[in-house]
Amino acid sequence: MRSPEYVILLNTKLATTHTTKRSMLKTVIYKLGQHPKLSLKRFFIGLGLFALSVLGIAYGYYHYAWVQLIGLGLLAPALFFAAWGYIGIFANRFSQVIVTMPPDDRSAYNDKTK
């Protein structure tokens, strides 16, 4: 039999909102991390574009200014693809951690001393 405190906690609107947000977070994490090879590919594309961007900016600094502008133009897509890929890689790893975690059956007792 569950204690009355546990039943009251489950009947509050805060507990319902909290569990809904938790399941939404899991859904987003699983969706972002479902294709790890594609995420790694995106990350490497972003990394390669970033290297080209840095080379263009450095070359334009010493020789032609228009090459520097091309390097600056490549910087935004490079950061976008690198961040998108990294978030996907992180989400995949984090989803593996979420799967191995035991369910939180005793959440009402977490703040009480033993």
PDB file of N, CA and C in Angstrom:
ATOM      1  N   MET A   1       0.842  -1.178   0.000  1.00  0.00           N
ATOM      2  CA  MET A   1       0.000   0.000   0.000  1.00  0.00           C
ATOM      3  C   MET A   1       0.887   1.240   0.000  1.00  0.00           C
ATOM      4  N   ARG A   2       0.544   2.193  -0.781  1.00  0.00           N
ATOM      5  CA  ARG A   2       1.320   3.431  -0.862  1.00  0.00           C
ATOM      6  C   ARG A   2       0.909   4.389   0.245  1.00  0.00           C
ATOM      7  N   SER A   3       1.861   5.188   0.639  1.00  0.00           N
ATOM      8  CA  SER A   3       1.565   6.152   1.693  1.00  0.00           C
ATOM      9  C   SER A   3       0.695   7.270   1.138  1.00  0.00           C
ATOM     10  N   PRO A   4      -0.062   7.970   1.985  1.00  0.00           N
ATOM     11  CA  PRO A   4      -0.934   9.055   1.522  1.00  0.00           C
ATOM     12  C   PRO A   4      -0.157  10.196   0.863  1.00  0.00           C
ATOM     13  N   GLU A   5       1.086  10.445   1.290  1.00  0.00           N
ATOM     14  CA  GLU A   5       1.873  11.516   0.678  1.00  0.00           C
ATOM     15  C   GLU A   5       2.127  11.228  -0.788  1.00  0.00           C
ATOM     16  N   TYR A   6       2.377   9.976  -1.101  1.00  0.00           N
ATOM     17  CA  TYR A   6       2.663   9.585  -2.483  1.00  0.00           C
ATOM     18  C   TYR A   6       1.425   9.765  -3.359  1.00  0.00           C
ATOM     19  N   VAL A   7       0.258   9.407  -2.831  1.00  0.00           N
ATOM     20  CA  VAL A   7      -0.985   9.551  -3.587  1.00  0.00           C
ATOM     21  C   VAL A   7      -1.303  11.023  -3.812  1.00  0.00           C
ATOM     22  N   ILE A   8      -1.089  11.864  -2.820  1.00  0.00           N
ATOM     23  CA  ILE A   8      -1.346  13.294  -2.963  1.00  0.00           C
ATOM     24  C   ILE A   8      -0.412  13.898  -3.995  1.00  0.00           C
ATOM     25  N   LEU A   9       0.831  13.482  -4.006  1.00  0.00           N
ATOM     26  CA  LEU A   9       1.786  14.001  -4.980  1.00  0.00           C
ATOM     27  C   LEU A   9       1.349  13.664  -6.397  1.00  0.00           C
ATOM     28  N   LEU A  10       0.851  12.457  -6.601  1.00  0.00           N
ATOM     29  CA  LEU A  10       0.438  12.066  -7.945  1.00  0.00           C
ATOM     30  C   LEU A  10      -0.833  12.778  -8.395  1.00  0.00           C
ATOM     31  N   ASN A  11      -1.656  13.237  -7.455  1.00  0.00           N
ATOM     32  CA  ASN A  11      -2.888  13.914  -7.819  1.00  0.00           C
ATOM     33  C   ASN A  11      -2.701  15.405  -8.088  1.00  0.00           C
ATOM     34  N   THR A  12      -1.534  15.949  -7.836  1.00  0.00           N
ATOM     35  CA  THR A  12      -1.322  17.365  -8.075  1.00  0.00           C
ATOM     36  C   THR A  12      -1.071  17.633  -9.541  1.00  0.00           C
ATOM     37  N   LYS A  13      -1.388  18.829  -9.980  1.00  0.00           N
ATOM     38  CA  LYS A  13      -1.169  19.207 -11.367  1.00  0.00           C
ATOM     39  C   LYS A  13       0.324  19.319 -11.671  1.00  0.00           C
ATOM     40  N   LEU A  14       1.123  19.677 -10.680  1.00  0.00           N
ATOM     41  CA  LEU A  14       2.569  19.803 -10.862  1.00  0.00           C
ATOM     42  C   LEU A  14       3.190  18.464 -11.245  1.00  0.00           C
ATOM     43  N   ALA A  15       2.756  17.387 -10.606  1.00  0.00           N
ATOM     44  CA  ALA A  15       3.311  16.074 -10.922  1.00  0.00           C
ATOM     45  C   ALA A  15       2.954  15.651 -12.338  1.00  0.00           C
ATOM     46  N   THR A  16       1.742  15.938 -12.774  1.00  0.00           N
ATOM     47  CA  THR A  16       1.334  15.594 -14.133  1.00  0.00           C
ATOM     48  C   THR A  16       2.151  16.375 -15.143  1.00  0.00           C
ATOM     49  N   THR A  17       2.356  17.670 -14.914  1.00  0.00           N
ATOM     50  CA  THR A  17       3.143  18.494 -15.815  1.00  0.00           C
ATOM     51  C   THR A  17       4.581  18.016 -15.843  1.00  0.00           C
ATOM     52  N   HIS A  18       5.120  17.652 -14.697  1.00  0.00           N
ATOM     53  CA  HIS A  18       6.506  17.210 -14.618  1.00  0.00           C
ATOM     54  C   HIS A  18       6.717  15.928 -15.417  1.00  0.00           C
ATOM     55  N   THR A  19       5.807  14.968 -15.284  1.00  0.00           N
ATOM     56  CA  THR A  19       5.975  13.723 -16.022  1.00  0.00           C
ATOM     57  C   THR A  19       5.762  13.941 -17.514  1.00  0.00           C
ATOM     58  N   THR A  20       4.892  14.856 -17.900  1.00  0.00           N
ATOM     59  CA  THR A  20       4.680  15.137 -19.311  1.00  0.00           C
ATOM     60  C   THR A  20       5.919  15.765 -19.920  1.00  0.00           C
ATOM     61  N   LYS A  21       6.545  16.706 -19.218  1.00  0.00           N
ATOM     62  CA  LYS A  21       7.756  17.324 -19.728  1.00  0.00           C
ATOM     63  C   LYS A  21       8.881  16.302 -19.834  1.00  0.00           C
ATOM     64  N   ARG A  22       8.955  15.392 -18.895  1.00  0.00           N
ATOM     65  CA  ARG A  22      10.004  14.378 -18.924  1.00  0.00           C
ATOM     66  C   ARG A  22       9.830  13.479 -20.140  1.00  0.00           C
ATOM     67  N   SER A  23       8.613  13.073 -20.445  1.00  0.00           N
ATOM     68  CA  SER A  23       8.410  12.208 -21.596  1.00  0.00           C
ATOM     69  C   SER A  23       8.629  12.982 -22.898  1.00  0.00           C
ATOM     70  N   MET A  24       8.313  14.275 -22.921  1.00  0.00           N
ATOM     71  CA  MET A  24       8.594  15.085 -24.108  1.00  0.00           C
ATOM     72  C   MET A  24      10.095  15.195 -24.324  1.00  0.00           C
ATOM     73  N   LEU A  25      10.842  15.359 -23.250  1.00  0.00           N
ATOM     74  CA  LEU A  25      12.295  15.437 -23.360  1.00  0.00           C
ATOM     75  C   LEU A  25      12.857  14.130 -23.905  1.00  0.00           C
ATOM     76  N   LYS A  26      12.361  13.005 -23.410  1.00  0.00           N
ATOM     77  CA  LYS A  26      12.814  11.716 -23.914  1.00  0.00           C
ATOM     78  C   LYS A  26      12.506  11.578 -25.403  1.00  0.00           C
ATOM     79  N   THR A  27      11.334  12.018 -25.820  1.00  0.00           N
ATOM     80  CA  THR A  27      10.951  11.934 -27.230  1.00  0.00           C
ATOM     81  C   THR A  27      11.889  12.751 -28.092  1.00  0.00           C
ATOM     82  N   VAL A  28      12.209  13.961 -27.660  1.00  0.00           N
ATOM     83  CA  VAL A  28      13.117  14.815 -28.426  1.00  0.00           C
ATOM     84  C   VAL A  28      14.513  14.206 -28.476  1.00  0.00           C
ATOM     85  N   ILE A  29      14.993  13.702 -27.347  1.00  0.00           N
ATOM     86  CA  ILE A  29      16.323  13.087 -27.298  1.00  0.00           C
ATOM     87  C   ILE A  29      16.382  11.882 -28.227  1.00  0.00           C
ATOM     88  N   TYR A  30      15.356  11.035 -28.187  1.00  0.00           N
ATOM     89  CA  TYR A  30      15.357   9.857 -29.046  1.00  0.00           C
ATOM     90  C   TYR A  30      15.283  10.235 -30.522  1.00  0.00           C
ATOM     91  N   LYS A  31      14.505  11.262 -30.839  1.00  0.00           N
ATOM     92  CA  LYS A  31      14.370  11.680 -32.240  1.00  0.00           C
ATOM     93  C   LYS A  31      15.685  12.267 -32.765  1.00  0.00           C
ATOM     94  N   LEU A  32      16.343  13.088 -31.963  1.00  0.00           N
ATOM     95  CA  LEU A  32      17.605  13.683 -32.399  1.00  0.00           C
ATOM     96  C   LEU A  32      18.720  12.646 -32.521  1.00  0.00           C
ATOM     97  N   GLY A  33      18.696  11.627 -31.691  1.00  0.00           N
ATOM     98  CA  GLY A  33      19.786  10.668 -31.668  1.00  0.00           C
ATOM     99  C   GLY A  33      19.534   9.371 -32.391  1.00  0.00           C
ATOM    100  N   GLN A  34      18.504   9.316 -33.237  1.00  0.00           N
ATOM    101  CA  GLN A  34      18.173   8.037 -33.851  1.00  0.00           C
ATOM    102  C   GLN A  34      19.064   7.670 -35.040  1.00  0.00           C
ATOM    103  N   HIS A  35      19.827   8.618 -35.596  1.00  0.00           N
ATOM    104  CA  HIS A  35      20.719   8.337 -36.726  1.00  0.00           C
ATOM    105  C   HIS A  35      22.138   8.800 -36.388  1.00  0.00           C
ATOM    106  N   PRO A  36      22.897   8.007 -35.644  1.00  0.00           N
ATOM    107  CA  PRO A  36      24.227   8.462 -35.217  1.00  0.00           C
ATOM    108  C   PRO A  36      25.220   8.609 -36.370  1.00  0.00           C
ATOM    109  N   LYS A  37      25.122   7.769 -37.393  1.00  0.00           N
ATOM    110  CA  LYS A  37      26.056   7.885 -38.520  1.00  0.00           C
ATOM    111  C   LYS A  37      25.800   9.157 -39.313  1.00  0.00           C
ATOM    112  N   LEU A  38      24.539   9.516 -39.480  1.00  0.00           N
ATOM    113  CA  LEU A  38      24.203  10.765 -40.163  1.00  0.00           C
ATOM    114  C   LEU A  38      24.666  11.967 -39.348  1.00  0.00           C
ATOM    115  N   SER A  39      24.521  11.888 -38.033  1.00  0.00           N
ATOM    116  CA  SER A  39      24.980  12.976 -37.172  1.00  0.00           C
ATOM    117  C   SER A  39      26.494  13.137 -37.249  1.00  0.00           C
ATOM    118  N   LEU A  40      27.207  12.026 -37.280  1.00  0.00           N
ATOM    119  CA  LEU A  40      28.661  12.090 -37.406  1.00  0.00           C
ATOM    120  C   LEU A  40      29.062  12.681 -38.756  1.00  0.00           C
ATOM    121  N   LYS A  41      28.329  12.322 -39.790  1.00  0.00           N
ATOM    122  CA  LYS A  41      28.592  12.870 -41.128  1.00  0.00           C
ATOM    123  C   LYS A  41      28.360  14.380 -41.145  1.00  0.00           C
ATOM    124  N   ARG A  42      27.265  14.822 -40.528  1.00  0.00           N
ATOM    125  CA  ARG A  42      26.985  16.265 -40.447  1.00  0.00           C
ATOM    126  C   ARG A  42      28.078  16.995 -39.670  1.00  0.00           C
ATOM    127  N   PHE A  43      28.532  16.383 -38.585  1.00  0.00           N
ATOM    128  CA  PHE A  43      29.577  17.005 -37.788  1.00  0.00           C
ATOM    129  C   PHE A  43      30.863  17.162 -38.590  1.00  0.00           C
ATOM    130  N   PHE A  44      31.242  16.122 -39.330  1.00  0.00           N
ATOM    131  CA  PHE A  44      32.464  16.206 -40.136  1.00  0.00           C
ATOM    132  C   PHE A  44      32.319  17.187 -41.301  1.00  0.00           C
ATOM    133  N   ILE A  45      31.121  17.291 -41.884  1.00  0.00           N
ATOM    134  CA  ILE A  45      30.889  18.303 -42.916  1.00  0.00           C
ATOM    135  C   ILE A  45      31.087  19.697 -42.321  1.00  0.00           C
ATOM    136  N   GLY A  46      30.509  19.914 -41.141  1.00  0.00           N
ATOM    137  CA  GLY A  46      30.675  21.203 -40.470  1.00  0.00           C
ATOM    138  C   GLY A  46      32.119  21.485 -40.112  1.00  0.00           C
ATOM    139  N   LEU A  47      32.825  20.458 -39.683  1.00  0.00           N
ATOM    140  CA  LEU A  47      34.238  20.614 -39.329  1.00  0.00           C
ATOM    141  C   LEU A  47      35.071  20.946 -40.565  1.00  0.00           C
ATOM    142  N   GLY A  48      34.783  20.277 -41.675  1.00  0.00           N
ATOM    143  CA  GLY A  48      35.496  20.574 -42.919  1.00  0.00           C
ATOM    144  C   GLY A  48      35.206  21.972 -43.434  1.00  0.00           C
ATOM    145  N   LEU A  49      33.944  22.380 -43.378  1.00  0.00           N
ATOM    146  CA  LEU A  49      33.592  23.745 -43.787  1.00  0.00           C
ATOM    147  C   LEU A  49      34.245  24.778 -42.882  1.00  0.00           C
ATOM    148  N   PHE A  50      34.334  24.451 -41.603  1.00  0.00           N
ATOM    149  CA  PHE A  50      34.989  25.366 -40.671  1.00  0.00           C
ATOM    150  C   PHE A  50      36.474  25.523 -41.008  1.00  0.00           C
ATOM    151  N   ALA A  51      37.127  24.414 -41.352  1.00  0.00           N
ATOM    152  CA  ALA A  51      38.550  24.479 -41.722  1.00  0.00           C
ATOM    153  C   ALA A  51      38.728  25.309 -43.001  1.00  0.00           C
ATOM    154  N   LEU A  52      37.842  25.107 -43.980  1.00  0.00           N
ATOM    155  CA  LEU A  52      37.909  25.921 -45.202  1.00  0.00           C
ATOM    156  C   LEU A  52      37.662  27.401 -44.906  1.00  0.00           C
ATOM    157  N   SER A  53      36.743  27.643 -43.995  1.00  0.00           N
ATOM    158  CA  SER A  53      36.432  29.012 -43.610  1.00  0.00           C
ATOM    159  C   SER A  53      37.637  29.689 -42.955  1.00  0.00           C
ATOM    160  N   VAL A  54      38.288  28.989 -42.054  1.00  0.00           N
ATOM    161  CA  VAL A  54      39.471  29.550 -41.379  1.00  0.00           C
ATOM    162  C   VAL A  54      40.595  29.784 -42.380  1.00  0.00           C
ATOM    163  N   LEU A  55      40.783  28.841 -43.296  1.00  0.00           N
ATOM    164  CA  LEU A  55      41.810  29.022 -44.327  1.00  0.00           C
ATOM    165  C   LEU A  55      41.492  30.222 -45.224  1.00  0.00           C
ATOM    166  N   GLY A  56      40.230  30.362 -45.591  1.00  0.00           N
ATOM    167  CA  GLY A  56      39.838  31.509 -46.417  1.00  0.00           C
ATOM    168  C   GLY A  56      40.028  32.834 -45.697  1.00  0.00           C
ATOM    169  N   ILE A  57      39.677  32.874 -44.427  1.00  0.00           N
ATOM    170  CA  ILE A  57      39.850  34.108 -43.654  1.00  0.00           C
ATOM    171  C   ILE A  57      41.333  34.437 -43.506  1.00  0.00           C
ATOM    172  N   ALA A  58      42.155  33.432 -43.217  1.00  0.00           N
ATOM    173  CA  ALA A  58      43.597  33.670 -43.051  1.00  0.00           C
ATOM    174  C   ALA A  58      44.240  34.082 -44.369  1.00  0.00           C
ATOM    175  N   TYR A  59      43.873  33.420 -45.463  1.00  0.00           N
ATOM    176  CA  TYR A  59      44.437  33.769 -46.772  1.00  0.00           C
ATOM    177  C   TYR A  59      43.995  35.178 -47.184  1.00  0.00           C
ATOM    178  N   GLY A  60      42.743  35.499 -46.925  1.00  0.00           N
ATOM    179  CA  GLY A  60      42.235  36.831 -47.266  1.00  0.00           C
ATOM    180  C   GLY A  60      42.856  37.934 -46.440  1.00  0.00           C
ATOM    181  N   TYR A  61      43.295  37.611 -45.260  1.00  0.00           N
ATOM    182  CA  TYR A  61      43.940  38.611 -44.406  1.00  0.00           C
ATOM    183  C   TYR A  61      45.269  39.072 -45.009  1.00  0.00           C
ATOM    184  N   TYR A  62      45.984  38.146 -45.637  1.00  0.00           N
ATOM    185  CA  TYR A  62      47.299  38.479 -46.181  1.00  0.00           C
ATOM    186  C   TYR A  62      47.284  38.811 -47.666  1.00  0.00           C
ATOM    187  N   HIS A  63      46.310  38.324 -48.438  1.00  0.00           N
ATOM    188  CA  HIS A  63      46.369  38.502 -49.880  1.00  0.00           C
ATOM    189  C   HIS A  63      45.156  39.241 -50.442  1.00  0.00           C
ATOM    190  N   TYR A  64      44.042  38.569 -50.632  1.00  0.00           N
ATOM    191  CA  TYR A  64      42.872  39.172 -51.262  1.00  0.00           C
ATOM    192  C   TYR A  64      41.726  39.244 -50.261  1.00  0.00           C
ATOM    193  N   ALA A  65      41.122  40.415 -50.162  1.00  0.00           N
ATOM    194  CA  ALA A  65      40.056  40.614 -49.171  1.00  0.00           C
ATOM    195  C   ALA A  65      38.784  39.850 -49.531  1.00  0.00           C
ATOM    196  N   TRP A  66      38.516  39.648 -50.823  1.00  0.00           N
ATOM    197  CA  TRP A  66      37.293  38.950 -51.212  1.00  0.00           C
ATOM    198  C   TRP A  66      37.324  37.477 -50.787  1.00  0.00           C
ATOM    199  N   VAL A  67      38.500  36.883 -50.659  1.00  0.00           N
ATOM    200  CA  VAL A  67      38.592  35.504 -50.169  1.00  0.00           C
ATOM    201  C   VAL A  67      38.213  35.453 -48.685  1.00  0.00           C
ATOM    202  N   GLN A  68      38.535  36.509 -47.984  1.00  0.00           N
ATOM    203  CA  GLN A  68      38.168  36.594 -46.573  1.00  0.00           C
ATOM    204  C   GLN A  68      36.648  36.655 -46.419  1.00  0.00           C
ATOM    205  N   LEU A  69      35.983  37.361 -47.328  1.00  0.00           N
ATOM    206  CA  LEU A  69      34.521  37.423 -47.284  1.00  0.00           C
ATOM    207  C   LEU A  69      33.887  36.067 -47.573  1.00  0.00           C
ATOM    208  N   ILE A  70      34.477  35.315 -48.488  1.00  0.00           N
ATOM    209  CA  ILE A  70      33.984  33.965 -48.759  1.00  0.00           C
ATOM    210  C   ILE A  70      34.154  33.090 -47.512  1.00  0.00           C
ATOM    211  N   GLY A  71      35.281  33.226 -46.852  1.00  0.00           N
ATOM    212  CA  GLY A  71      35.518  32.474 -45.616  1.00  0.00           C
ATOM    213  C   GLY A  71      34.521  32.837 -44.533  1.00  0.00           C
ATOM    214  N   LEU A  72      34.196  34.117 -44.434  1.00  0.00           N
ATOM    215  CA  LEU A  72      33.192  34.539 -43.452  1.00  0.00           C
ATOM    216  C   LEU A  72      31.809  34.018 -43.833  1.00  0.00           C
ATOM    217  N   GLY A  73      31.533  33.944 -45.124  1.00  0.00           N
ATOM    218  CA  GLY A  73      30.254  33.389 -45.568  1.00  0.00           C
ATOM    219  C   GLY A  73      30.129  31.901 -45.283  1.00  0.00           C
ATOM    220  N   LEU A  74      31.227  31.190 -45.339  1.00  0.00           N
ATOM    221  CA  LEU A  74      31.213  29.756 -45.033  1.00  0.00           C
ATOM    222  C   LEU A  74      31.146  29.469 -43.535  1.00  0.00           C
ATOM    223  N   LEU A  75      31.449  30.456 -42.736  1.00  0.00           N
ATOM    224  CA  LEU A  75      31.505  30.232 -41.286  1.00  0.00           C
ATOM    225  C   LEU A  75      30.136  29.887 -40.697  1.00  0.00           C
ATOM    226  N   ALA A  76      29.078  30.572 -41.132  1.00  0.00           N
ATOM    227  CA  ALA A  76      27.737  30.309 -40.581  1.00  0.00           C
ATOM    228  C   ALA A  76      27.254  28.884 -40.894  1.00  0.00           C
ATOM    229  N   PRO A  77      27.303  28.426 -42.165  1.00  0.00           N
ATOM    230  CA  PRO A  77      26.885  27.032 -42.408  1.00  0.00           C
ATOM    231  C   PRO A  77      27.794  26.014 -41.715  1.00  0.00           C
ATOM    232  N   ALA A  78      29.067  26.336 -41.580  1.00  0.00           N
ATOM    233  CA  ALA A  78      29.991  25.423 -40.914  1.00  0.00           C
ATOM    234  C   ALA A  78      29.594  25.242 -39.452  1.00  0.00           C
ATOM    235  N   LEU A  79      29.321  26.330 -38.772  1.00  0.00           N
ATOM    236  CA  LEU A  79      28.920  26.232 -37.366  1.00  0.00           C
ATOM    237  C   LEU A  79      27.568  25.554 -37.220  1.00  0.00           C
ATOM    238  N   PHE A  80      26.659  25.810 -38.157  1.00  0.00           N
ATOM    239  CA  PHE A  80      25.340  25.174 -38.118  1.00  0.00           C
ATOM    240  C   PHE A  80      25.458  23.654 -38.247  1.00  0.00           C
ATOM    241  N   PHE A  81      26.182  23.183 -39.264  1.00  0.00           N
ATOM    242  CA  PHE A  81      26.306  21.744 -39.464  1.00  0.00           C
ATOM    243  C   PHE A  81      27.081  21.074 -38.333  1.00  0.00           C
ATOM    244  N   ALA A  82      28.120  21.719 -37.841  1.00  0.00           N
ATOM    245  CA  ALA A  82      28.887  21.134 -36.741  1.00  0.00           C
ATOM    246  C   ALA A  82      28.027  21.035 -35.476  1.00  0.00           C
ATOM    247  N   ALA A  83      27.261  22.071 -35.187  1.00  0.00           N
ATOM    248  CA  ALA A  83      26.402  22.044 -33.995  1.00  0.00           C
ATOM    249  C   ALA A  83      25.291  21.012 -34.144  1.00  0.00           C
ATOM    250  N   TRP A  84      24.676  20.942 -35.323  1.00  0.00           N
ATOM    251  CA  TRP A  84      23.601  19.989 -35.570  1.00  0.00           C
ATOM    252  C   TRP A  84      24.113  18.557 -35.428  1.00  0.00           C
ATOM    253  N   GLY A  85      25.259  18.287 -35.978  1.00  0.00           N
ATOM    254  CA  GLY A  85      25.842  16.957 -35.858  1.00  0.00           C
ATOM    255  C   GLY A  85      26.231  16.627 -34.437  1.00  0.00           C
ATOM    256  N   TYR A  86      26.811  17.599 -33.728  1.00  0.00           N
ATOM    257  CA  TYR A  86      27.233  17.352 -32.356  1.00  0.00           C
ATOM    258  C   TYR A  86      26.030  17.115 -31.447  1.00  0.00           C
ATOM    259  N   ILE A  87      24.969  17.860 -31.657  1.00  0.00           N
ATOM    260  CA  ILE A  87      23.756  17.654 -30.854  1.00  0.00           C
ATOM    261  C   ILE A  87      23.194  16.257 -31.109  1.00  0.00           C
ATOM    262  N   GLY A  88      23.223  15.807 -32.354  1.00  0.00           N
ATOM    263  CA  GLY A  88      22.759  14.453 -32.665  1.00  0.00           C
ATOM    264  C   GLY A  88      23.615  13.381 -32.024  1.00  0.00           C
ATOM    265  N   ILE A  89      24.927  13.571 -32.039  1.00  0.00           N
ATOM    266  CA  ILE A  89      25.834  12.608 -31.405  1.00  0.00           C
ATOM    267  C   ILE A  89      25.594  12.574 -29.897  1.00  0.00           C
ATOM    268  N   PHE A  90      25.478  13.755 -29.300  1.00  0.00           N
ATOM    269  CA  PHE A  90      25.224  13.836 -27.861  1.00  0.00           C
ATOM    270  C   PHE A  90      23.881  13.200 -27.513  1.00  0.00           C
ATOM    271  N   ALA A  91      22.848  13.467 -28.321  1.00  0.00           N
ATOM    272  CA  ALA A  91      21.526  12.899 -28.051  1.00  0.00           C
ATOM    273  C   ALA A  91      21.549  11.379 -28.131  1.00  0.00           C
ATOM    274  N   ASN A  92      22.314  10.838 -29.058  1.00  0.00           N
ATOM    275  CA  ASN A  92      22.423   9.387 -29.161  1.00  0.00           C
ATOM    276  C   ASN A  92      23.066   8.806 -27.910  1.00  0.00           C
ATOM    277  N   ARG A  93      24.146   9.407 -27.466  1.00  0.00           N
ATOM    278  CA  ARG A  93      24.817   8.912 -26.257  1.00  0.00           C
ATOM    279  C   ARG A  93      23.922   9.066 -25.033  1.00  0.00           C
ATOM    280  N   PHE A  94      23.228  10.208 -24.953  1.00  0.00           N
ATOM    281  CA  PHE A  94      22.371  10.463 -23.802  1.00  0.00           C
ATOM    282  C   PHE A  94      21.165   9.529 -23.802  1.00  0.00           C
ATOM    283  N   SER A  95      20.642   9.184 -24.982  1.00  0.00           N
ATOM    284  CA  SER A  95      19.519   8.250 -25.032  1.00  0.00           C
ATOM    285  C   SER A  95      19.933   6.863 -24.558  1.00  0.00           C
ATOM    286  N   GLN A  96      21.189   6.493 -24.798  1.00  0.00           N
ATOM    287  CA  GLN A  96      21.674   5.217 -24.288  1.00  0.00           C
ATOM    288  C   GLN A  96      21.759   5.231 -22.766  1.00  0.00           C
ATOM    289  N   VAL A  97      22.057   6.382 -22.190  1.00  0.00           N
ATOM    290  CA  VAL A  97      22.088   6.510 -20.730  1.00  0.00           C
ATOM    291  C   VAL A  97      20.676   6.453 -20.171  1.00  0.00           C
ATOM    292  N   ILE A  98      19.730   7.100 -20.851  1.00  0.00           N
ATOM    293  CA  ILE A  98      18.344   7.107 -20.385  1.00  0.00           C
ATOM    294  C   ILE A  98      17.770   5.696 -20.376  1.00  0.00           C
ATOM    295  N   VAL A  99      18.096   4.906 -21.393  1.00  0.00           N
ATOM    296  CA  VAL A  99      17.571   3.545 -21.480  1.00  0.00           C
ATOM    297  C   VAL A  99      18.067   2.690 -20.323  1.00  0.00           C
ATOM    298  N   THR A 100      19.308   2.880 -19.901  1.00  0.00           N
ATOM    299  CA  THR A 100      19.862   2.035 -18.841  1.00  0.00           C
ATOM    300  C   THR A 100      19.479   2.492 -17.440  1.00  0.00           C
ATOM    301  N   MET A 101      18.900   3.674 -17.312  1.00  0.00           N
ATOM    302  CA  MET A 101      18.504   4.155 -15.986  1.00  0.00           C
ATOM    303  C   MET A 101      17.278   3.396 -15.496  1.00  0.00           C
ATOM    304  N   PRO A 102      17.238   3.052 -14.207  1.00  0.00           N
ATOM    305  CA  PRO A 102      16.037   2.391 -13.683  1.00  0.00           C
ATOM    306  C   PRO A 102      14.899   3.409 -13.572  1.00  0.00           C
ATOM    307  N   PRO A 103      13.656   2.949 -13.623  1.00  0.00           N
ATOM    308  CA  PRO A 103      12.537   3.884 -13.490  1.00  0.00           C
ATOM    309  C   PRO A 103      12.518   4.508 -12.099  1.00  0.00           C
ATOM    310  N   ASP A 104      12.017   5.715 -12.043  1.00  0.00           N
ATOM    311  CA  ASP A 104      12.000   6.460 -10.785  1.00  0.00           C
ATOM    312  C   ASP A 104      10.704   6.145 -10.034  1.00  0.00           C
ATOM    313  N   ASP A 105      10.679   4.986  -9.384  1.00  0.00           N
ATOM    314  CA  ASP A 105       9.466   4.554  -8.687  1.00  0.00           C
ATOM    315  C   ASP A 105       9.256   5.279  -7.369  1.00  0.00           C
ATOM    316  N   ARG A 106      10.332   5.688  -6.743  1.00  0.00           N
ATOM    317  CA  ARG A 106      10.217   6.255  -5.407  1.00  0.00           C
ATOM    318  C   ARG A 106      10.553   7.738  -5.413  1.00  0.00           C
ATOM    319  N   SER A 107      10.055   8.481  -6.374  1.00  0.00           N
ATOM    320  CA  SER A 107      10.388   9.897  -6.479  1.00  0.00           C
ATOM    321  C   SER A 107       9.857  10.708  -5.301  1.00  0.00           C
ATOM    322  N   ALA A 108       8.806  10.251  -4.650  1.00  0.00           N
ATOM    323  CA  ALA A 108       8.258  10.993  -3.514  1.00  0.00           C
ATOM    324  C   ALA A 108       9.172  10.909  -2.303  1.00  0.00           C
ATOM    325  N   TYR A 109      10.053   9.915  -2.263  1.00  0.00           N
ATOM    326  CA  TYR A 109      10.898   9.710  -1.095  1.00  0.00           C
ATOM    327  C   TYR A 109      12.327  10.193  -1.307  1.00  0.00           C
ATOM    328  N   ASN A 110      12.622  10.830  -2.397  1.00  0.00           N
ATOM    329  CA  ASN A 110      13.989  11.245  -2.677  1.00  0.00           C
ATOM    330  C   ASN A 110      14.520  12.295  -1.715  1.00  0.00           C
ATOM    331  N   ASP A 111      13.654  13.170  -1.229  1.00  0.00           N
ATOM    332  CA  ASP A 111      14.135  14.237  -0.353  1.00  0.00           C
ATOM    333  C   ASP A 111      14.113  13.858   1.120  1.00  0.00           C
ATOM    334  N   LYS A 112      13.670  12.685   1.461  1.00  0.00           N
ATOM    335  CA  LYS A 112      13.627  12.264   2.868  1.00  0.00           C
ATOM    336  C   LYS A 112      14.891  11.529   3.248  1.00  0.00           C
ATOM    337  N   THR A 113      15.331  11.737   4.478  1.00  0.00           N
ATOM    338  CA  THR A 113      16.509  11.034   4.969  1.00  0.00           C
ATOM    339  C   THR A 113      16.125   9.616   5.381  1.00  0.00           C
ATOM    340  N   LYS A 114      17.088   8.726   5.327  1.00  0.00           N
ATOM    341  CA  LYS A 114      16.807   7.325   5.670  1.00  0.00           C
ATOM    342  C   LYS A 114      17.120   7.032   7.098  1.00  0.00           C
TER     343      LYS A 114
END
